Protein backbone atom coordinates (compact mmCIF):
# COMPACT_ATOMS: atom_id res chain seq x y z
CA MET A 1 -40.17 -50.48 4.93
CA ILE A 2 -37.21 -49.15 3.34
CA ASP A 3 -38.12 -48.53 -0.48
CA ARG A 4 -34.97 -49.78 -2.22
CA ARG A 5 -35.47 -48.29 -6.13
CA ALA A 6 -36.21 -44.87 -4.21
CA LEU A 7 -33.12 -45.07 -1.97
CA LEU A 8 -31.21 -46.08 -5.08
CA SER A 9 -32.50 -44.19 -7.75
CA ARG A 10 -31.79 -41.00 -4.53
CA SER A 11 -28.28 -42.50 -4.22
CA SER A 12 -27.44 -42.23 -7.73
CA LEU A 13 -28.82 -38.51 -8.45
CA LEU A 14 -26.39 -37.41 -5.00
CA ALA A 15 -23.58 -39.39 -6.65
CA ALA A 16 -24.27 -37.53 -10.16
CA ALA A 17 -24.23 -34.15 -8.33
CA ALA A 18 -21.15 -34.67 -5.84
CA LEU A 19 -18.97 -36.24 -8.50
CA PRO A 20 -16.77 -32.83 -10.18
CA ALA A 21 -17.89 -32.15 -13.62
CA CYS A 22 -13.89 -32.80 -14.93
CA THR A 23 -12.21 -35.56 -14.06
CA PRO A 24 -8.24 -35.42 -13.60
CA VAL A 25 -6.55 -36.56 -16.53
CA ALA A 26 -3.87 -39.09 -15.21
CA ARG A 27 -0.04 -37.77 -16.44
CA PRO A 28 2.56 -40.83 -17.76
CA GLY A 29 4.24 -41.75 -14.91
CA GLY A 30 2.05 -40.64 -12.15
CA ALA A 31 0.66 -37.18 -11.25
CA PRO A 32 3.41 -34.74 -9.89
CA ALA A 33 5.02 -35.08 -6.44
CA GLY A 34 4.48 -32.54 -3.91
CA ASN A 35 1.01 -32.12 -2.81
CA SER A 36 0.47 -30.75 0.56
CA LEU A 37 -1.46 -31.62 3.50
CA PRO A 38 -2.95 -29.43 6.66
CA ALA A 39 -0.73 -29.61 9.31
CA PHE A 40 -3.19 -31.85 11.55
CA TYR A 41 -2.62 -34.77 9.02
CA GLU A 42 1.03 -35.45 9.81
CA ASP A 43 -0.10 -36.00 13.20
CA ILE A 44 -2.57 -38.44 12.31
CA GLU A 45 0.02 -39.81 9.93
CA GLU A 46 2.75 -40.05 12.43
CA ARG A 47 0.24 -41.55 14.94
CA THR A 48 -0.72 -43.83 12.66
CA PHE A 49 3.00 -45.09 11.73
CA ARG A 50 3.59 -45.46 15.69
CA TRP A 51 1.45 -48.19 16.08
CA PHE A 52 3.02 -50.16 13.71
CA TRP A 53 6.50 -49.32 15.11
CA ASP A 54 5.40 -49.95 18.81
CA THR A 55 2.78 -53.16 18.49
CA VAL A 56 5.41 -55.06 16.07
CA ASN A 57 7.28 -58.16 17.39
CA ARG A 58 10.92 -57.19 17.33
CA ARG A 59 11.97 -60.81 17.94
CA ASN A 60 10.67 -62.10 14.22
CA GLY A 61 8.63 -59.03 12.67
CA LEU A 62 4.95 -59.79 13.63
CA VAL A 63 2.40 -57.33 13.28
CA PRO A 64 -0.77 -58.28 15.30
CA ASP A 65 -4.37 -58.05 13.79
CA ARG A 66 -5.45 -55.75 16.42
CA TRP A 67 -4.59 -53.63 19.53
CA PRO A 68 -4.94 -53.38 22.67
CA THR A 69 -6.81 -56.74 22.63
CA PRO A 70 -4.22 -59.30 22.84
CA SER A 71 -4.06 -60.89 19.23
CA PHE A 72 -2.43 -63.39 17.16
CA CYS A 73 -0.42 -61.70 13.92
CA SER A 74 -2.16 -60.84 10.84
CA ILE A 75 0.42 -61.23 7.79
CA ALA A 76 -1.42 -58.88 5.75
CA SER A 77 -0.52 -56.56 8.86
CA VAL A 78 2.99 -57.58 8.07
CA GLY A 79 2.91 -56.39 4.67
CA PHE A 80 1.08 -53.08 5.74
CA ALA A 81 4.27 -53.02 8.49
CA LEU A 82 7.02 -53.40 5.89
CA THR A 83 5.86 -50.40 3.65
CA ALA A 84 5.37 -48.39 6.14
CA TYR A 85 8.86 -48.60 8.26
CA PRO A 86 10.25 -46.68 5.35
CA ILE A 87 7.76 -43.71 5.11
CA GLY A 88 8.91 -43.28 8.80
CA VAL A 89 12.39 -43.54 7.71
CA GLU A 90 11.98 -40.74 5.21
CA ARG A 91 9.83 -38.73 7.73
CA GLY A 92 12.44 -38.62 10.53
CA TRP A 93 10.29 -41.10 12.81
CA CYS A 94 12.56 -44.11 13.27
CA THR A 95 16.39 -44.32 11.32
CA ARG A 96 16.92 -46.19 8.16
CA ALA A 97 18.96 -48.63 10.13
CA GLU A 98 16.01 -49.25 12.97
CA ALA A 99 13.85 -49.96 9.99
CA ARG A 100 16.63 -51.59 8.14
CA ASP A 101 17.06 -54.32 11.02
CA LEU A 102 13.29 -55.07 12.11
CA THR A 103 13.03 -55.26 8.22
CA LEU A 104 15.92 -58.32 7.83
CA THR A 105 14.71 -59.95 10.99
CA THR A 106 10.50 -60.07 9.26
CA LEU A 107 11.97 -61.52 6.05
CA ARG A 108 14.19 -64.04 7.39
CA PHE A 109 11.84 -65.24 9.86
CA PHE A 110 8.96 -65.76 7.06
CA TRP A 111 11.85 -67.34 4.85
CA ASN A 112 12.65 -70.02 7.47
CA ALA A 113 9.30 -70.54 9.31
CA PRO A 114 8.26 -74.11 8.72
CA GLN A 115 6.37 -74.80 5.02
CA GLY A 116 4.25 -77.91 4.78
CA PRO A 117 0.93 -79.59 4.41
CA GLU A 118 0.60 -80.52 8.25
CA PRO A 119 -2.43 -78.81 9.92
CA THR A 120 -0.62 -78.13 12.67
CA GLY A 121 2.89 -76.29 13.28
CA ARG A 122 3.23 -74.94 9.98
CA THR A 123 3.47 -71.14 9.11
CA GLY A 124 2.45 -71.88 5.35
CA HIS A 125 2.40 -74.08 2.61
CA LYS A 126 3.58 -73.77 -1.39
CA GLY A 127 5.73 -70.33 -0.30
CA PHE A 128 2.10 -68.89 0.86
CA PHE A 129 1.29 -67.93 4.79
CA TYR A 130 -1.70 -68.62 6.94
CA HIS A 131 -4.07 -65.46 7.49
CA PHE A 132 -3.35 -65.51 10.71
CA ILE A 133 -0.25 -66.95 12.73
CA ASP A 134 0.75 -66.79 16.53
CA MET A 135 2.57 -63.81 17.11
CA GLU A 136 5.33 -65.92 19.03
CA THR A 137 6.38 -68.84 16.51
CA GLY A 138 4.43 -68.23 13.50
CA ALA A 139 2.63 -70.87 13.58
CA ARG A 140 -1.21 -71.45 11.94
CA PHE A 141 -3.62 -69.92 14.31
CA ARG A 142 -6.42 -72.51 14.75
CA ASP A 143 -7.89 -73.28 11.93
CA VAL A 144 -7.70 -69.85 9.79
CA GLU A 145 -6.86 -70.98 5.90
CA LEU A 146 -3.86 -70.34 3.62
CA SER A 147 -4.68 -67.06 2.22
CA SER A 148 -3.83 -65.84 -1.69
CA VAL A 149 -4.83 -62.46 -0.87
CA ASP A 150 -3.50 -62.06 2.66
CA THR A 151 -0.15 -63.53 1.52
CA THR A 152 -0.32 -61.10 -1.40
CA ILE A 153 -0.26 -57.83 0.63
CA LEU A 154 2.64 -59.58 2.48
CA LEU A 155 4.63 -59.95 -0.52
CA MET A 156 4.10 -56.63 -1.60
CA GLY A 157 4.95 -54.79 1.46
CA VAL A 158 8.34 -57.90 0.91
CA LEU A 159 8.85 -56.70 -2.76
CA PHE A 160 8.58 -52.54 -1.70
CA ALA A 161 11.22 -53.26 0.74
CA GLY A 162 13.56 -54.75 -1.74
CA ARG A 163 12.98 -51.90 -3.95
CA TYR A 164 13.20 -49.54 -0.89
CA TYR A 165 16.27 -50.60 0.32
CA ASP A 166 19.17 -50.40 -2.58
CA ARG A 167 22.34 -49.87 -0.75
CA ALA A 168 25.78 -51.41 -1.12
CA ASP A 169 25.97 -52.55 2.92
CA PRO A 170 25.32 -56.36 3.46
CA ALA A 171 21.99 -56.02 5.62
CA GLU A 172 20.19 -54.17 2.66
CA ALA A 173 21.58 -56.63 -0.29
CA GLU A 174 20.21 -59.27 2.11
CA ILE A 175 16.95 -57.72 2.28
CA ARG A 176 16.85 -57.86 -1.42
CA ARG A 177 17.73 -61.53 -1.87
CA LEU A 178 15.28 -62.17 0.16
CA ALA A 179 12.51 -60.59 -1.16
CA GLN A 180 12.84 -61.77 -4.38
CA ALA A 181 13.27 -65.39 -3.22
CA LEU A 182 10.11 -65.20 -1.05
CA TYR A 183 7.98 -64.42 -4.13
CA ALA A 184 9.76 -66.43 -6.56
CA ARG A 185 8.96 -69.37 -3.65
CA ALA A 186 5.20 -68.41 -4.21
CA ASP A 187 3.30 -71.67 -5.99
CA TRP A 188 0.49 -69.32 -7.75
CA ASN A 189 -1.20 -72.28 -9.40
CA PHE A 190 -1.79 -74.37 -5.86
CA PHE A 191 -4.78 -72.05 -6.04
CA ARG A 192 -6.08 -74.11 -8.84
CA THR A 193 -4.98 -77.57 -8.55
CA ASP A 194 -8.95 -78.74 -8.94
CA GLY A 195 -9.05 -77.32 -12.07
CA ARG A 196 -10.60 -74.11 -12.20
CA LYS A 197 -9.42 -71.25 -14.09
CA PRO A 198 -9.47 -67.91 -11.30
CA VAL A 199 -7.64 -68.44 -8.25
CA SER A 200 -9.04 -69.51 -5.10
CA MET A 201 -9.33 -67.21 -2.00
CA GLY A 202 -7.59 -69.79 0.27
CA TRP A 203 -6.83 -73.80 1.12
CA HIS A 204 -7.32 -75.73 4.49
CA PRO A 205 -5.35 -78.61 5.20
CA GLU A 206 -8.16 -80.81 6.30
CA ARG A 207 -10.43 -80.27 3.00
CA GLY A 208 -8.64 -78.49 0.57
CA LEU A 209 -9.40 -75.17 -1.83
CA ILE A 210 -12.18 -72.97 -0.58
CA PRO A 211 -14.80 -72.94 -3.38
CA ALA A 212 -14.62 -69.25 -3.68
CA SER A 213 -12.23 -67.67 -6.19
CA TRP A 214 -10.90 -64.28 -6.40
CA THR A 215 -12.78 -62.81 -9.12
CA GLY A 216 -14.05 -59.00 -9.99
CA PHE A 217 -14.56 -56.77 -8.78
CA ASN A 218 -12.82 -56.24 -5.53
CA GLU A 219 -9.61 -55.87 -3.77
CA GLY A 220 -8.29 -59.04 -5.75
CA MET A 221 -6.43 -57.30 -8.55
CA PHE A 222 -3.11 -57.66 -6.98
CA VAL A 223 -3.48 -61.25 -6.65
CA TYR A 224 -3.17 -61.75 -10.34
CA VAL A 225 -0.84 -58.87 -10.90
CA LEU A 226 1.61 -60.47 -8.88
CA GLY A 227 0.77 -64.12 -10.12
CA LEU A 228 1.26 -63.28 -13.47
CA GLY A 229 4.15 -61.54 -13.09
CA ALA A 230 5.85 -64.72 -10.50
CA PRO A 231 9.40 -65.53 -11.86
CA GLU A 232 9.00 -69.01 -11.40
CA HIS A 233 5.34 -70.46 -10.92
CA PRO A 234 3.02 -67.86 -12.99
CA LEU A 235 -0.51 -68.28 -13.29
CA PRO A 236 -1.34 -68.57 -17.10
CA ALA A 237 -1.53 -65.97 -19.33
CA ASP A 238 -5.39 -66.14 -19.43
CA SER A 239 -6.09 -65.20 -15.76
CA TRP A 240 -6.90 -62.29 -16.17
CA GLU A 241 -9.89 -62.70 -18.29
CA ALA A 242 -10.88 -65.15 -15.31
CA TRP A 243 -11.02 -62.45 -13.37
CA THR A 244 -12.33 -59.75 -15.75
CA ALA A 245 -14.79 -62.19 -16.32
CA THR A 246 -17.43 -61.49 -14.05
CA TYR A 247 -17.34 -57.26 -14.18
CA PRO A 248 -20.85 -57.42 -16.08
CA ARG A 249 -22.60 -57.75 -12.62
CA SER A 250 -20.55 -55.08 -11.33
CA TRP A 251 -21.37 -51.90 -12.95
CA ARG A 252 -23.46 -49.36 -11.56
CA GLY A 253 -24.40 -46.02 -12.19
CA GLU A 254 -24.46 -43.88 -15.61
CA GLY A 255 -22.33 -41.40 -17.40
CA PRO A 256 -19.97 -39.34 -14.79
CA THR A 257 -20.58 -42.16 -12.20
CA ARG A 258 -20.38 -45.10 -14.27
CA HIS A 259 -18.41 -47.31 -12.28
CA LEU A 260 -17.09 -51.43 -11.32
CA ALA A 261 -18.79 -51.43 -7.98
CA PHE A 262 -17.93 -53.21 -4.52
CA ALA A 263 -19.74 -51.81 -1.68
CA PRO A 264 -16.79 -51.57 0.72
CA LEU A 265 -14.32 -49.12 -0.25
CA PHE A 266 -11.11 -51.06 0.74
CA GLY A 267 -11.62 -53.43 -2.42
CA HIS A 268 -10.89 -50.04 -4.11
CA GLN A 269 -7.83 -49.28 -2.20
CA TYR A 270 -5.76 -52.44 -1.27
CA SER A 271 -4.47 -53.14 -5.05
CA HIS A 272 -3.84 -49.09 -5.42
CA ILE A 273 -1.83 -48.66 -2.34
CA TRP A 274 0.83 -50.84 -3.99
CA ILE A 275 0.17 -50.45 -7.57
CA ASP A 276 -0.02 -46.92 -9.69
CA PHE A 277 -3.32 -47.65 -11.91
CA ARG A 278 -3.29 -44.23 -13.41
CA GLY A 279 -2.99 -44.09 -16.74
CA ILE A 280 -2.88 -47.51 -17.93
CA ARG A 281 -5.80 -49.71 -19.05
CA ASP A 282 -6.44 -53.05 -19.78
CA ARG A 283 -8.68 -54.28 -22.19
CA VAL A 284 -11.86 -53.74 -19.91
CA MET A 285 -11.01 -50.24 -19.11
CA ARG A 286 -9.94 -49.28 -22.66
CA GLU A 287 -13.50 -49.74 -23.89
CA ALA A 288 -14.87 -47.96 -20.85
CA GLY A 289 -12.63 -45.03 -21.31
CA PHE A 290 -11.52 -44.51 -18.06
CA ASP A 291 -8.67 -46.44 -15.95
CA TYR A 292 -9.19 -47.73 -12.04
CA PHE A 293 -7.72 -44.83 -10.30
CA GLU A 294 -10.50 -43.00 -11.57
CA ASN A 295 -12.77 -46.10 -11.26
CA SER A 296 -11.68 -45.89 -7.15
CA ARG A 297 -12.39 -42.17 -7.55
CA ARG A 298 -15.81 -42.70 -8.73
CA ALA A 299 -16.43 -45.40 -6.14
CA THR A 300 -15.10 -43.25 -3.21
CA TYR A 301 -17.69 -40.37 -4.53
CA ALA A 302 -20.30 -42.86 -4.28
CA ASN A 303 -19.52 -43.82 -1.17
CA ARG A 304 -19.94 -40.50 0.29
CA ALA A 305 -23.17 -39.69 -1.77
CA TYR A 306 -24.86 -42.60 -0.08
CA CYS A 307 -23.48 -41.44 3.51
CA THR A 308 -25.09 -37.86 2.46
CA ALA A 309 -28.43 -39.13 1.23
CA ASN A 310 -28.18 -41.46 4.54
CA PRO A 311 -31.70 -43.40 3.54
CA LYS A 312 -31.85 -45.28 6.54
CA GLY A 313 -31.82 -42.16 8.83
CA TRP A 314 -28.32 -42.96 11.04
CA ASP A 315 -27.38 -40.28 13.30
CA GLY A 316 -24.17 -38.45 12.78
CA TRP A 317 -23.75 -39.11 9.31
CA SER A 318 -23.02 -36.28 6.99
CA LYS A 319 -21.50 -34.89 3.85
CA HIS A 320 -18.20 -34.52 6.15
CA VAL A 321 -18.67 -37.80 8.13
CA TRP A 322 -18.96 -40.56 6.25
CA GLY A 323 -16.98 -43.93 4.81
CA LEU A 324 -18.29 -47.53 5.05
CA THR A 325 -15.97 -50.82 4.61
CA ALA A 326 -15.16 -53.55 6.38
CA CYS A 327 -14.52 -52.61 9.96
CA ASP A 328 -15.29 -53.75 13.72
CA GLY A 329 -18.76 -52.97 15.12
CA PRO A 330 -20.99 -52.95 18.60
CA GLY A 331 -22.13 -56.27 17.72
CA SER A 332 -24.67 -58.33 16.63
CA TYR A 333 -27.96 -57.72 17.61
CA GLN A 334 -30.91 -56.37 16.71
CA ARG A 335 -32.64 -53.28 18.27
CA SER A 336 -35.37 -50.59 17.64
CA PHE A 337 -34.09 -47.65 16.40
CA LYS A 338 -36.62 -44.61 15.32
CA GLY A 339 -39.59 -47.00 15.35
CA GLU A 340 -38.07 -49.97 13.25
CA THR A 341 -36.33 -53.10 13.88
CA ARG A 342 -32.33 -52.65 12.95
CA GLU A 343 -29.59 -55.07 12.35
CA PHE A 344 -26.26 -54.72 13.97
CA PHE A 345 -23.02 -56.18 13.52
CA GLY A 346 -19.82 -56.90 14.62
CA TYR A 347 -16.64 -57.56 12.19
CA ALA A 348 -18.38 -57.03 8.96
CA ALA A 349 -17.43 -55.66 5.60
CA ARG A 350 -20.21 -52.73 5.39
CA GLY A 351 -21.20 -50.59 1.97
CA PRO A 352 -23.67 -48.82 0.29
CA LEU A 353 -27.06 -51.02 -0.31
CA GLY A 354 -27.71 -51.52 -3.82
CA GLN A 355 -23.74 -52.37 -4.65
CA PRO A 356 -21.77 -55.89 -4.26
CA ASP A 357 -21.43 -57.06 -0.88
CA GLU A 358 -23.54 -54.35 0.55
CA ARG A 359 -24.30 -53.69 4.51
CA ASP A 360 -25.52 -50.88 6.33
CA ASP A 361 -26.02 -50.67 10.65
CA GLY A 362 -24.87 -47.42 10.57
CA THR A 363 -21.03 -48.18 11.83
CA LEU A 364 -18.50 -45.62 10.10
CA ALA A 365 -14.70 -46.49 9.89
CA PRO A 366 -11.98 -43.53 9.47
CA THR A 367 -10.16 -45.91 7.30
CA ALA A 368 -12.81 -45.62 4.77
CA ALA A 369 -12.62 -41.97 3.60
CA LEU A 370 -8.35 -41.70 4.83
CA GLY A 371 -7.52 -44.68 2.60
CA SER A 372 -9.18 -42.72 -0.42
CA LEU A 373 -7.04 -39.85 -0.39
CA PRO A 374 -5.19 -39.96 -3.36
CA PHE A 375 -8.58 -40.38 -5.12
CA ALA A 376 -10.43 -37.65 -4.20
CA PRO A 377 -8.34 -35.36 -1.42
CA GLU A 378 -11.27 -32.69 -1.59
CA ILE A 379 -13.28 -34.58 0.30
CA VAL A 380 -11.49 -37.08 2.35
CA ILE A 381 -9.59 -33.73 4.09
CA PRO A 382 -12.56 -32.48 5.30
CA CYS A 383 -13.84 -35.73 6.61
CA ALA A 384 -10.52 -36.47 8.33
CA GLU A 385 -10.81 -32.88 9.79
CA ALA A 386 -14.31 -33.04 10.71
CA LEU A 387 -14.12 -36.51 12.01
CA ARG A 388 -11.15 -34.96 14.73
CA ARG A 389 -13.95 -32.01 15.11
CA GLU A 390 -16.78 -33.87 16.24
CA HIS A 391 -15.12 -37.34 17.34
CA GLY A 392 -11.90 -37.04 18.12
CA ASP A 393 -12.22 -37.07 21.87
CA ARG A 394 -13.67 -40.44 22.17
CA LEU A 395 -11.84 -41.83 18.65
CA TYR A 396 -8.56 -40.31 18.09
CA GLY A 397 -6.02 -40.88 20.51
CA LYS A 398 -2.20 -42.04 20.94
CA TYR A 399 -2.42 -43.81 17.65
CA GLY A 400 -4.63 -42.08 15.68
CA PHE A 401 -8.16 -42.96 14.70
CA LEU A 402 -9.62 -46.27 16.37
CA ASP A 403 -11.22 -48.46 13.85
CA SER A 404 -14.70 -47.54 13.74
CA PHE A 405 -17.96 -45.70 15.29
CA ASN A 406 -21.55 -45.71 15.56
CA PRO A 407 -23.36 -42.70 16.31
CA SER A 408 -26.92 -44.49 16.31
CA PHE A 409 -25.87 -47.25 18.61
CA ARG A 410 -26.58 -46.13 22.02
CA PHE A 411 -28.11 -48.97 24.01
CA ALA A 412 -27.22 -49.34 26.93
CA ASP A 413 -28.66 -52.73 27.35
CA VAL A 414 -26.03 -55.11 25.64
CA ARG A 415 -22.81 -56.34 26.73
CA LEU A 416 -20.08 -55.06 24.22
CA ASP A 417 -16.65 -57.22 23.87
CA THR A 418 -15.74 -54.79 20.73
CA GLY A 419 -15.91 -51.37 22.21
CA THR A 420 -18.20 -48.58 24.62
CA VAL A 421 -21.12 -46.95 24.22
CA ASP A 422 -22.12 -43.37 25.37
CA PRO A 423 -25.46 -43.08 25.56
CA VAL A 424 -25.64 -39.68 23.87
CA HIS A 425 -22.37 -40.33 21.03
CA GLY A 426 -23.23 -43.86 20.45
CA TRP A 427 -20.59 -46.61 20.18
CA VAL A 428 -16.79 -46.25 19.64
CA ALA A 429 -14.44 -49.25 18.96
CA LYS A 430 -11.96 -50.27 21.80
CA ASP A 431 -9.28 -51.62 19.01
CA HIS A 432 -6.84 -50.21 16.17
CA LEU A 433 -6.77 -53.04 13.21
CA GLY A 434 -3.70 -52.98 11.02
CA ILE A 435 -5.39 -53.55 8.10
CA ASP A 436 -7.13 -50.17 8.43
CA GLN A 437 -3.96 -48.60 9.76
CA GLY A 438 -2.16 -49.72 7.12
CA PRO A 439 -4.37 -47.48 4.09
CA ILE A 440 -4.07 -44.35 6.31
CA ILE A 441 -0.40 -44.10 6.23
CA LEU A 442 0.35 -45.68 2.83
CA GLN A 443 -2.19 -43.57 0.75
CA ALA A 444 -1.17 -40.36 2.43
CA ALA A 445 2.71 -41.18 0.95
CA ASN A 446 1.63 -41.77 -2.42
CA TYR A 447 -0.68 -38.68 -2.29
CA ARG A 448 2.29 -36.78 -0.97
CA ASP A 449 4.81 -37.64 -3.41
CA ASP A 450 3.90 -40.81 -5.02
CA PHE A 451 6.11 -42.82 -2.37
CA VAL A 452 5.06 -46.23 -2.87
CA TRP A 453 3.99 -46.17 -6.27
CA ARG A 454 7.36 -44.53 -7.30
CA HIS A 455 9.04 -47.44 -6.00
CA MET A 456 6.88 -50.23 -7.31
CA ARG A 457 6.92 -48.65 -10.83
CA GLU A 458 10.63 -50.00 -10.73
CA GLU A 459 9.68 -53.72 -9.64
CA PRO A 460 9.69 -55.63 -12.86
CA ALA A 461 7.22 -58.07 -11.29
CA ILE A 462 4.67 -55.48 -11.31
CA ARG A 463 5.71 -54.54 -14.60
CA ARG A 464 5.79 -58.07 -16.06
CA GLY A 465 2.30 -58.51 -14.30
CA LEU A 466 0.64 -55.82 -15.94
CA THR A 467 1.52 -56.11 -19.11
CA LEU A 468 0.61 -59.98 -19.25
CA ALA A 469 -2.99 -58.67 -17.68
CA GLY A 470 -3.07 -56.22 -21.23
CA PHE A 471 -2.22 -53.25 -19.60
CA THR A 472 -0.90 -50.56 -22.12
CA GLY A 473 -0.06 -46.56 -21.97
CA GLY A 474 0.99 -44.35 -19.11
CA TRP A 475 4.30 -45.38 -17.18
CA LEU A 476 3.90 -48.84 -18.75
CA GLY A 477 5.19 -47.04 -22.33
């Protein structure tokens, strides 16, 4: 049996030992542009970009949830893609005209897609969209929810496109017009129609709002920033307090390791991909004495420290091979590992034990570390290098890193749908997931020259939403 108290104590000590003594000071307007990356990293970026560029349905702009497994569209994948196309333009991987036309096709599709309360044949309702939709028709996939957070990711990509395509030609002007129209149409208070203060995670036409709401701490920050900043159907001014009200149960660590915890790292990455939180603070972080960017840095170090401590004794983990987040897994199995019965999972959120949404089955995901590049490049770059060196022959290919791998899962007696098992090297996923590819390329662009951040700092809705949430300082000043 695992002694959880000993586990948490050891993990905390390692986190404190691993964290740099000096916290980088965020500068107003963002850190200086021009950070360099090793040559091998550009190959990661371009291959990851190619995944979006090659898998998109060019007739409507829809992007699959995963590939090569046949898949429905994930609207979040579309949001990541809309942000990735301009990176391709700037890096010379596609032309501006190609990216512009594909973006316009995408925005036209979502603007014209049927909306309504009917359970079938609709792409969305109240200006929001279903989590998964058909790759060809855009109709709701099965009984998935109308998603507040996945629509937020889509809208972040839409708004970014509206900022990037700033030329006077008619196509770029139409992108800007559609971007603002799509954002303005979203009725954020629809997710509060049952009287709750926070925003519901979703809605089903068959049974109404999902009981669970977006309350801190997780990836939901940008739901409130966009909701507060909305030009026509904004959230009430006190909505940020509803989001932060549950923060007290999320704090972990002491001193330099103290942070708002959420076990899977995607929760510390998604909002930060589009919003530059460096040097700006709300009331909670003013009292804490650091900003949300620093919070994500500490969470990244805590994730790596847990993997380095490796309290469950998984094979293949090290100070350079680490990273727990939501990702594919080998499947739902119980097997004996080193004399103990261990439980394994398929797609699931994973993160250090002792944190909210904890789960550890030995599965690591490259996006966990690489999506944290701006927070802690000094530990992320060595991880990326180690992943290619130690696992590249199975994990790295045409579109960069496959979604995930588990060196401990070497059981040949199971029938797998999610990947392949090698009796020596363990399990490797067979798919790339759009929501895991996105953070890899977009955060690299932010690290290199603030690419996404500097465009989104110019979006009035972002400034308006942050100001209404009580943020001050830094570039907001």
